[in-house]
Amino acid sequence: MSKRFARTSLFMILMGGTLLMWSACSDLTPTNPADAEKAGGAVARMDPAPPAEQATIDIAGTPVVFWPYTGTSFNGTPVDPINVVFAGEADPLQIRAALMALDGDRSAFGIPPIPPFNATWEDAVGGDVQTTCAVGGDGWVGSVVQLTLGEYGPLRFHLRLFRTGQQAGGGAVTLGGAHFELNIPGTADHAVLSWELAEQIVMVDLVRSGLLGAAPAPTGLINAAPTFRTIMKEVYNGLPPQLVALIGGPAQPVSADVPLPSNGQGTLFRLAFAAPLVPGAWDDSVTLNYNQLVPRPFCSQGPGDYLLVTGPLEFTASSQLLPDGSFTSRNAFIGVLEAVPVDVSTGVPVVLGPAFRARVSGHSNVSLTDLNARVVMYDRRFTHESDGVQVKQIWMNLPQQGQKTYRTKLSCIGDD
């Protein structure tokens, strides 16, 4: 681990205040091509079948089957890899308690005392709801617990946890997706920089917790290798060389998006002891100011359809753990942005039309008890342009028991 964390380099990156000021292109909301509906149309998916791609790992003689990725709906399109698996005293709330009980001193593992590497785990602000599928367990499930190590930006570690309803290793099985990410300047978006670095941080902290009953072990090959997804070239070329070295990337500049290394394996953690659940309430908020060129996030007329987006976007988050062990959390965002259509084909943005308002809002609610879990999400994007109104809406309801529903509706200018 110590070779991966160069103390001098990280001080230059994170303490110098010179991180990442460039004009990158970033989606306001990443669009999943498989979910793109025809203008004016709507889609509803209820109690869908599991994806065709499945992984099986053996935990103490019990085969555990699951989709080895996360997604944003039920369509089976991978977004992030599942790269951490927990069994035993391993309900998502127990993992949350175990990680939150730790201090930020990781120096015994060669990790320097600088943000975000010396941060403590907290409930996430602004984490999108993701899905995965526990085959033979609860089927499609949502990210009931989201944790971060570090502030919203510039850099943080992000961990999503999924209760599966599966049992192995003397207790519950929980799936997780962890990544190291960058808040792209001028946007509210994050760009993933590493899967493997985040997996190592989770391993360090589970070892530090003293709750493991066995050494962390590789799951074997369960998902894509040697790479999965990419870092946009505009983002990558703006990274300081020290950060490039930290994530093990190629020399800059690059002319194409950079593949994200992935060994295709997760790490299995067997928790023999339960972390005590500590009741309490938590809340946080962050305001991000957009000032960036972005591809039009919905109702796009093609790859050259760009907007210059400016204005504030506010995220709020709260969570509460009661003495009876029940947990609730809420993440929400709201903003009124200004968008200007621009032509970027020459490399110099040229205004194509009048500015218009873009109203964005959404929320996700989680409730978690011993007997049930539910994730509900609603997302709405609304633009009032000179020649009409365009709207995109997404709803998702993911109870542990009961009907699971995903719906989306898109209304574009010119719809019949």
Protein backbone atom coordinates (compact mmCIF):
# COMPACT_ATOMS: atom_id res chain seq x y z
CA MET A 1 0.00 0.00 0.00
CA SER A 2 2.75 2.51 0.89
CA LYS A 3 4.01 2.61 -2.69
CA ARG A 4 0.55 3.62 -3.88
CA PHE A 5 0.40 6.60 -1.53
CA ALA A 6 3.28 9.00 -2.26
CA ARG A 7 3.24 11.45 0.65
CA THR A 8 5.06 14.30 -1.08
CA SER A 9 3.00 13.98 -4.25
CA LEU A 10 -0.30 14.01 -2.40
CA PHE A 11 0.65 17.11 -0.46
CA MET A 12 1.39 18.82 -3.79
CA ILE A 13 -1.94 17.70 -5.22
CA LEU A 14 -4.29 18.27 -2.31
CA MET A 15 -2.71 20.93 -0.13
CA GLY A 16 -1.43 23.22 -2.87
CA GLY A 17 -4.87 24.41 -3.93
CA THR A 18 -4.08 24.02 -7.63
CA LEU A 19 -6.19 21.00 -8.43
CA LEU A 20 -7.99 20.69 -11.72
CA MET A 21 -8.98 23.94 -13.32
CA TRP A 22 -9.83 23.15 -16.95
CA SER A 23 -12.74 23.22 -19.34
CA ALA A 24 -14.03 19.67 -19.36
CA CYS A 25 -17.22 18.36 -20.91
CA SER A 26 -19.56 16.51 -18.58
CA ASP A 27 -23.14 15.30 -18.64
CA LEU A 28 -25.54 17.04 -16.30
CA THR A 29 -27.06 13.61 -15.78
CA PRO A 30 -25.41 10.51 -17.26
CA THR A 31 -27.87 8.98 -19.71
CA ASN A 32 -28.14 5.23 -19.91
CA PRO A 33 -28.56 4.45 -23.64
CA ALA A 34 -30.64 1.35 -22.93
CA ASP A 35 -33.14 3.51 -21.02
CA ALA A 36 -33.49 6.20 -23.69
CA GLU A 37 -37.15 6.36 -24.58
CA LYS A 38 -38.74 7.76 -27.72
CA ALA A 39 -39.84 11.35 -27.37
CA GLY A 40 -43.23 11.54 -25.78
CA GLY A 41 -43.04 7.96 -24.62
CA ALA A 42 -42.99 6.29 -21.23
CA VAL A 43 -41.68 2.99 -19.97
CA ALA A 44 -42.61 1.03 -16.86
CA ARG A 45 -40.76 -2.04 -15.64
CA MET A 46 -42.19 -4.09 -12.78
CA ASP A 47 -40.64 -7.09 -11.04
CA PRO A 48 -38.09 -7.66 -13.81
CA ALA A 49 -36.09 -10.86 -14.31
CA PRO A 50 -32.44 -10.94 -13.23
CA PRO A 51 -29.72 -10.08 -15.79
CA ALA A 52 -28.28 -12.90 -17.87
CA GLU A 53 -24.76 -12.22 -16.59
CA GLN A 54 -24.35 -13.65 -13.09
CA ALA A 55 -21.47 -14.47 -10.77
CA THR A 56 -21.23 -17.19 -8.14
CA ILE A 57 -18.85 -17.15 -5.19
CA ASP A 58 -18.47 -19.73 -2.45
CA ILE A 59 -18.80 -18.41 1.11
CA ALA A 60 -18.16 -21.09 3.73
CA GLY A 61 -19.58 -23.77 1.46
CA THR A 62 -22.65 -21.76 0.40
CA PRO A 63 -22.90 -20.62 -3.24
CA VAL A 64 -23.96 -16.96 -3.46
CA VAL A 65 -25.24 -15.82 -6.86
CA PHE A 66 -25.56 -12.17 -7.90
CA TRP A 67 -25.19 -9.71 -10.75
CA PRO A 68 -21.59 -8.49 -10.39
CA TYR A 69 -22.38 -4.88 -11.32
CA THR A 70 -24.54 -1.96 -10.29
CA GLY A 71 -26.98 -0.15 -12.55
CA THR A 72 -29.44 2.73 -12.61
CA SER A 73 -32.54 0.69 -13.44
CA PHE A 74 -33.50 -2.95 -14.08
CA ASN A 75 -32.19 -3.22 -17.64
CA GLY A 76 -28.93 -5.00 -16.81
CA THR A 77 -26.64 -2.29 -18.22
CA PRO A 78 -23.53 -2.20 -15.97
CA VAL A 79 -22.52 1.10 -14.37
CA ASP A 80 -20.03 0.15 -11.60
CA PRO A 81 -18.51 -3.21 -10.66
CA ILE A 82 -19.40 -5.00 -7.45
CA ASN A 83 -15.93 -5.13 -5.87
CA VAL A 84 -16.56 -5.74 -2.15
CA VAL A 85 -18.63 -8.58 -0.64
CA PHE A 86 -19.41 -8.95 3.07
CA ALA A 87 -20.70 -11.98 4.98
CA GLY A 88 -21.45 -12.87 8.60
CA GLU A 89 -22.25 -9.98 10.93
CA ALA A 90 -22.54 -7.97 7.78
CA ASP A 91 -25.89 -6.24 7.39
CA PRO A 92 -25.37 -2.82 5.69
CA LEU A 93 -26.09 -1.07 9.01
CA GLN A 94 -23.41 -3.16 10.75
CA ILE A 95 -20.87 -2.29 8.07
CA ARG A 96 -21.86 1.37 8.35
CA ALA A 97 -21.36 1.22 12.12
CA ALA A 98 -18.01 -0.55 11.76
CA LEU A 99 -16.63 2.03 9.35
CA MET A 100 -18.05 5.06 11.14
CA ALA A 101 -16.47 3.95 14.43
CA LEU A 102 -12.95 4.34 12.98
CA ASP A 103 -10.72 7.40 13.20
CA GLY A 104 -8.86 8.76 10.18
CA ASP A 105 -5.38 7.58 11.16
CA ARG A 106 -4.29 5.08 8.50
CA SER A 107 -0.58 5.84 8.87
CA ALA A 108 0.23 2.26 9.94
CA PHE A 109 -0.65 1.25 6.37
CA GLY A 110 1.53 3.94 4.79
CA ILE A 111 -1.40 6.26 4.09
CA PRO A 112 -0.56 9.96 4.62
CA PRO A 113 -2.59 12.23 6.93
CA ILE A 114 -4.10 14.41 4.21
CA PRO A 115 -7.65 14.65 2.80
CA PRO A 116 -9.42 12.51 1.82
CA PHE A 117 -7.07 9.77 3.05
CA ASN A 118 -7.29 10.84 6.70
CA ALA A 119 -11.05 11.44 6.68
CA THR A 120 -13.67 9.50 8.61
CA TRP A 121 -16.64 7.75 7.02
CA GLU A 122 -19.93 9.63 6.80
CA ASP A 123 -23.30 9.16 5.13
CA ALA A 124 -23.05 10.42 1.56
CA VAL A 125 -24.31 13.72 0.22
CA GLY A 126 -25.48 13.56 -3.38
CA GLY A 127 -25.12 9.86 -4.01
CA ASP A 128 -27.35 8.60 -6.83
CA VAL A 129 -29.48 5.53 -6.15
CA GLN A 130 -28.08 2.45 -7.86
CA THR A 131 -29.39 -1.09 -8.24
CA THR A 132 -28.01 -4.61 -8.29
CA CYS A 133 -29.56 -8.06 -8.32
CA ALA A 134 -29.25 -10.76 -5.63
CA VAL A 135 -30.23 -13.93 -7.48
CA GLY A 136 -31.89 -16.36 -5.07
CA GLY A 137 -32.18 -13.60 -2.50
CA ASP A 138 -34.33 -10.47 -2.74
CA GLY A 139 -33.79 -10.04 -6.49
CA TRP A 140 -33.36 -6.44 -7.56
CA VAL A 141 -32.26 -4.29 -4.61
CA GLY A 142 -31.22 -0.67 -4.11
CA SER A 143 -28.29 1.04 -2.44
CA VAL A 144 -29.72 1.27 1.08
CA VAL A 145 -26.53 2.71 2.61
CA GLN A 146 -24.12 5.12 0.92
CA LEU A 147 -20.93 6.25 2.63
CA THR A 148 -18.15 8.63 1.67
CA LEU A 149 -14.62 9.24 2.83
CA GLY A 150 -13.95 12.90 2.12
CA GLU A 151 -15.99 15.94 1.13
CA TYR A 152 -18.07 16.20 -2.05
CA GLY A 153 -14.98 17.58 -3.78
CA PRO A 154 -12.35 17.67 -4.98
CA LEU A 155 -11.63 13.99 -4.20
CA ARG A 156 -13.48 11.36 -2.22
CA PHE A 157 -14.06 7.63 -1.80
CA HIS A 158 -17.65 6.48 -2.29
CA LEU A 159 -19.13 3.18 -1.10
CA ARG A 160 -22.63 1.87 -1.89
CA LEU A 161 -24.03 -1.08 0.10
CA PHE A 162 -26.85 -3.41 -0.95
CA ARG A 163 -28.80 -5.71 1.38
CA THR A 164 -29.36 -8.96 -0.52
CA GLY A 165 -31.57 -11.19 1.64
CA GLN A 166 -28.96 -13.94 1.18
CA GLN A 167 -27.31 -15.84 4.05
CA ALA A 168 -23.80 -17.32 4.15
CA GLY A 169 -20.82 -17.47 6.48
CA GLY A 170 -23.03 -17.48 9.56
CA GLY A 171 -25.03 -14.37 8.69
CA ALA A 172 -26.09 -11.85 6.09
CA VAL A 173 -24.51 -11.21 2.71
CA THR A 174 -24.08 -7.59 1.63
CA LEU A 175 -22.78 -6.48 -1.76
CA GLY A 176 -20.86 -3.26 -2.29
CA GLY A 177 -19.44 -1.02 -4.98
CA ALA A 178 -16.52 1.25 -4.03
CA HIS A 179 -14.67 3.82 -6.12
CA PHE A 180 -12.31 6.79 -5.85
CA GLU A 181 -13.73 9.84 -7.63
CA LEU A 182 -13.18 13.46 -8.59
CA ASN A 183 -15.75 16.27 -8.57
CA ILE A 184 -15.37 17.80 -12.05
CA PRO A 185 -14.89 21.59 -11.64
CA GLY A 186 -17.83 23.65 -12.79
CA THR A 187 -20.27 20.75 -12.41
CA ALA A 188 -21.97 18.64 -9.75
CA ASP A 189 -20.72 15.47 -11.44
CA HIS A 190 -18.03 13.03 -10.33
CA ALA A 191 -15.58 11.16 -12.54
CA VAL A 192 -14.38 7.78 -11.28
CA LEU A 193 -10.57 7.62 -11.16
CA SER A 194 -10.03 4.17 -9.64
CA TRP A 195 -11.89 1.04 -8.56
CA GLU A 196 -8.87 -0.71 -7.06
CA LEU A 197 -7.73 2.16 -4.80
CA ALA A 198 -11.17 2.32 -3.18
CA GLU A 199 -11.24 -1.44 -2.69
CA GLN A 200 -7.89 -1.19 -0.86
CA ILE A 201 -9.17 1.57 1.44
CA VAL A 202 -12.20 -0.53 2.42
CA MET A 203 -9.88 -3.46 3.10
CA VAL A 204 -7.58 -1.35 5.29
CA ASP A 205 -10.51 -0.10 7.35
CA LEU A 206 -12.15 -3.50 7.80
CA VAL A 207 -8.79 -4.82 9.03
CA ARG A 208 -8.54 -1.83 11.39
CA SER A 209 -12.03 -2.52 12.72
CA GLY A 210 -10.92 -5.77 14.41
CA LEU A 211 -14.22 -7.41 13.41
CA LEU A 212 -12.93 -9.83 10.77
CA GLY A 213 -12.96 -13.53 11.49
CA ALA A 214 -10.68 -14.34 8.56
CA ALA A 215 -8.23 -12.52 6.33
CA PRO A 216 -9.78 -10.66 3.38
CA ALA A 217 -9.82 -12.95 0.35
CA PRO A 218 -10.28 -12.44 -3.40
CA THR A 219 -13.63 -13.50 -4.81
CA GLY A 220 -12.09 -14.84 -8.01
CA LEU A 221 -12.93 -13.36 -11.39
CA ILE A 222 -16.51 -12.03 -11.33
CA ASN A 223 -16.59 -9.02 -13.67
CA ALA A 224 -14.76 -7.21 -16.44
CA ALA A 225 -10.96 -7.26 -16.60
CA PRO A 226 -8.39 -5.86 -17.23
CA THR A 227 -10.41 -2.63 -17.50
CA PHE A 228 -13.95 -1.41 -16.94
CA ARG A 229 -15.22 2.01 -18.11
CA THR A 230 -12.97 4.95 -18.93
CA ILE A 231 -11.89 8.40 -17.76
CA MET A 232 -12.79 11.11 -20.26
CA LYS A 233 -9.66 12.41 -21.99
CA GLU A 234 -10.61 16.02 -21.15
CA VAL A 235 -10.74 15.11 -17.46
CA TYR A 236 -7.61 12.95 -17.56
CA ASN A 237 -5.46 15.57 -19.31
CA GLY A 238 -6.38 18.08 -16.61
CA LEU A 239 -5.16 15.88 -13.73
CA PRO A 240 -1.91 16.83 -11.98
CA PRO A 241 0.87 14.35 -12.87
CA GLN A 242 1.10 13.27 -9.22
CA LEU A 243 -2.53 12.16 -9.25
CA VAL A 244 -1.96 10.34 -12.53
CA ALA A 245 0.91 8.47 -10.85
CA LEU A 246 -1.28 7.64 -7.86
CA ILE A 247 -3.91 5.93 -10.02
CA GLY A 248 -1.28 4.28 -12.23
CA GLY A 249 -2.38 5.99 -15.45
CA PRO A 250 -0.50 6.53 -18.73
CA ALA A 251 1.56 9.63 -19.47
CA GLN A 252 -0.29 12.80 -20.40
CA PRO A 253 -1.53 14.13 -22.74
CA VAL A 254 -3.76 11.41 -24.14
CA SER A 255 -5.80 11.59 -27.33
CA ALA A 256 -8.51 9.12 -26.27
CA ASP A 257 -10.44 8.28 -23.11
CA VAL A 258 -8.33 6.30 -20.64
CA PRO A 259 -9.50 2.80 -19.59
CA LEU A 260 -9.99 2.32 -15.84
CA PRO A 261 -7.94 -0.66 -14.61
CA SER A 262 -9.94 -3.47 -13.00
CA ASN A 263 -8.65 -6.90 -12.03
CA GLY A 264 -12.18 -8.29 -12.31
CA GLN A 265 -12.14 -9.56 -8.73
CA GLY A 266 -13.81 -8.34 -5.59
CA THR A 267 -12.64 -8.76 -2.01
CA LEU A 268 -14.60 -10.97 0.41
CA PHE A 269 -14.79 -9.88 4.05
CA ARG A 270 -15.98 -12.36 6.72
CA LEU A 271 -17.16 -10.38 9.75
CA ALA A 272 -17.18 -12.57 12.86
CA PHE A 273 -18.15 -9.81 15.29
CA ALA A 274 -20.93 -7.23 15.17
CA ALA A 275 -20.21 -3.53 15.39
CA PRO A 276 -22.53 -1.85 17.92
CA LEU A 277 -25.19 0.33 16.31
CA VAL A 278 -25.01 3.84 17.72
CA PRO A 279 -28.28 5.81 17.48
CA GLY A 280 -28.05 9.34 16.23
CA ALA A 281 -28.99 11.84 13.55
CA TRP A 282 -26.86 13.45 10.86
CA ASP A 283 -27.43 16.08 8.19
CA ASP A 284 -25.32 17.95 5.66
CA SER A 285 -25.63 20.11 2.58
CA VAL A 286 -23.47 21.35 -0.25
CA THR A 287 -24.03 23.87 -3.04
CA LEU A 288 -22.26 23.39 -6.36
CA ASN A 289 -22.07 26.15 -8.95
CA TYR A 290 -22.30 25.05 -12.55
CA ASN A 291 -20.15 26.90 -15.07
CA GLN A 292 -19.44 24.37 -17.77
CA LEU A 293 -20.07 23.20 -21.32
CA VAL A 294 -22.09 19.98 -21.26
CA PRO A 295 -23.75 17.77 -23.86
CA ARG A 296 -27.51 18.29 -23.69
CA PRO A 297 -28.51 15.63 -21.13
CA PHE A 298 -31.88 14.72 -22.68
CA CYS A 299 -33.82 15.46 -25.88
CA SER A 300 -30.46 15.80 -27.63
CA GLN A 301 -30.39 16.49 -31.37
CA GLY A 302 -27.04 14.74 -31.78
CA PRO A 303 -23.42 14.59 -30.54
CA GLY A 304 -22.84 18.29 -31.30
CA ASP A 305 -25.79 19.49 -29.19
CA TYR A 306 -24.07 21.38 -26.35
CA LEU A 307 -25.18 23.80 -23.65
CA LEU A 308 -23.28 26.28 -21.51
CA VAL A 309 -24.84 25.74 -18.09
CA THR A 310 -24.45 28.12 -15.15
CA GLY A 311 -26.06 28.47 -11.75
CA PRO A 312 -26.26 26.81 -8.32
CA LEU A 313 -27.36 23.27 -7.50
CA GLU A 314 -28.03 22.48 -3.84
CA PHE A 315 -27.73 19.00 -2.33
CA THR A 316 -29.09 18.14 1.11
CA ALA A 317 -28.83 14.89 3.01
CA SER A 318 -30.03 13.60 6.37
CA SER A 319 -30.12 10.26 8.16
CA GLN A 320 -31.32 8.89 11.48
CA LEU A 321 -30.67 5.66 13.35
CA LEU A 322 -33.16 5.03 16.16
CA PRO A 323 -32.54 2.97 19.34
CA ASP A 324 -34.69 0.15 17.91
CA GLY A 325 -32.23 -0.21 15.01
CA SER A 326 -34.44 1.31 12.32
CA PHE A 327 -32.67 3.61 9.86
CA THR A 328 -33.96 6.31 7.53
CA SER A 329 -32.11 8.59 5.13
CA ARG A 330 -32.98 11.20 2.53
CA ASN A 331 -30.91 12.74 -0.27
CA ALA A 332 -32.30 15.61 -2.31
CA PHE A 333 -31.18 18.18 -4.86
CA ILE A 334 -32.72 21.28 -6.40
CA GLY A 335 -31.57 23.99 -8.73
CA VAL A 336 -32.63 26.58 -11.28
CA LEU A 337 -29.90 26.79 -13.90
CA GLU A 338 -29.39 28.92 -16.98
CA ALA A 339 -28.56 27.12 -20.22
CA VAL A 340 -27.36 28.62 -23.50
CA PRO A 341 -27.22 26.53 -26.73
CA VAL A 342 -23.72 26.69 -28.23
CA ASP A 343 -21.80 25.37 -31.22
CA VAL A 344 -18.48 23.81 -30.16
CA SER A 345 -17.46 22.36 -33.52
CA THR A 346 -14.65 24.89 -34.05
CA GLY A 347 -13.27 24.59 -30.52
CA VAL A 348 -14.51 28.08 -29.64
CA PRO A 349 -18.09 28.11 -28.28
CA VAL A 350 -20.50 30.17 -30.41
CA VAL A 351 -23.93 31.05 -29.05
CA LEU A 352 -26.73 29.57 -31.17
CA GLY A 353 -29.83 30.81 -29.41
CA PRO A 354 -31.35 32.55 -26.41
CA ALA A 355 -30.71 31.42 -22.84
CA PHE A 356 -33.40 29.40 -21.10
CA ARG A 357 -34.17 28.13 -17.61
CA ALA A 358 -33.52 24.55 -16.59
CA ARG A 359 -35.19 23.42 -13.38
CA VAL A 360 -33.85 20.23 -11.83
CA SER A 361 -34.93 18.46 -8.68
CA GLY A 362 -35.04 15.03 -7.16
CA HIS A 363 -34.91 13.01 -4.00
CA SER A 364 -34.32 9.51 -2.70
CA ASN A 365 -35.64 8.04 0.55
CA VAL A 366 -34.37 4.92 2.32
CA SER A 367 -36.02 3.05 5.18
CA LEU A 368 -34.28 0.06 6.72
CA THR A 369 -35.37 -2.25 9.54
CA ASP A 370 -34.58 -5.82 10.54
CA LEU A 371 -37.49 -7.08 8.46
CA ASN A 372 -37.63 -4.82 5.42
CA ALA A 373 -35.81 -2.28 3.31
CA ARG A 374 -37.16 0.22 0.79
CA VAL A 375 -35.54 2.71 -1.59
CA VAL A 376 -37.73 5.25 -3.38
CA MET A 377 -36.32 7.68 -5.95
CA TYR A 378 -37.79 10.50 -8.04
CA ASP A 379 -35.89 12.68 -10.52
CA ARG A 380 -37.30 15.52 -12.67
CA ARG A 381 -35.57 17.71 -15.31
CA PHE A 382 -37.56 20.56 -16.91
CA THR A 383 -36.45 23.10 -19.55
CA HIS A 384 -38.57 26.04 -20.73
CA GLU A 385 -37.09 26.98 -24.09
CA SER A 386 -38.11 29.59 -26.67
CA ASP A 387 -39.95 27.04 -28.79
CA GLY A 388 -41.40 24.82 -26.09
CA VAL A 389 -40.98 22.74 -22.97
CA GLN A 390 -38.96 19.55 -22.51
CA VAL A 391 -39.27 17.24 -19.49
CA LYS A 392 -37.62 14.04 -18.30
CA GLN A 393 -38.92 12.19 -15.22
CA ILE A 394 -37.74 8.99 -13.52
CA TRP A 395 -39.43 7.10 -10.68
CA MET A 396 -38.12 3.99 -8.92
CA ASN A 397 -39.57 2.01 -6.01
CA LEU A 398 -37.47 -0.84 -4.60
CA PRO A 399 -38.99 -2.58 -1.57
CA GLN A 400 -37.24 -5.64 -0.16
CA GLN A 401 -40.59 -7.41 -0.35
CA GLY A 402 -43.32 -6.38 -2.74
CA GLN A 403 -43.55 -5.13 -6.32
CA LYS A 404 -40.45 -3.38 -7.66
CA THR A 405 -41.08 -0.62 -10.17
CA TYR A 406 -39.07 1.59 -12.50
CA ARG A 407 -40.76 4.18 -14.70
CA THR A 408 -39.42 6.91 -16.96
CA LYS A 409 -41.14 9.50 -19.15
CA LEU A 410 -39.64 11.83 -21.73
CA SER A 411 -41.38 14.75 -23.47
CA CYS A 412 -39.42 16.66 -26.13
CA ILE A 413 -40.17 19.64 -28.34
CA GLY A 414 -41.73 18.43 -31.59
CA ASP A 415 -43.38 15.35 -30.11
CA ASP A 416 -46.44 14.28 -32.05
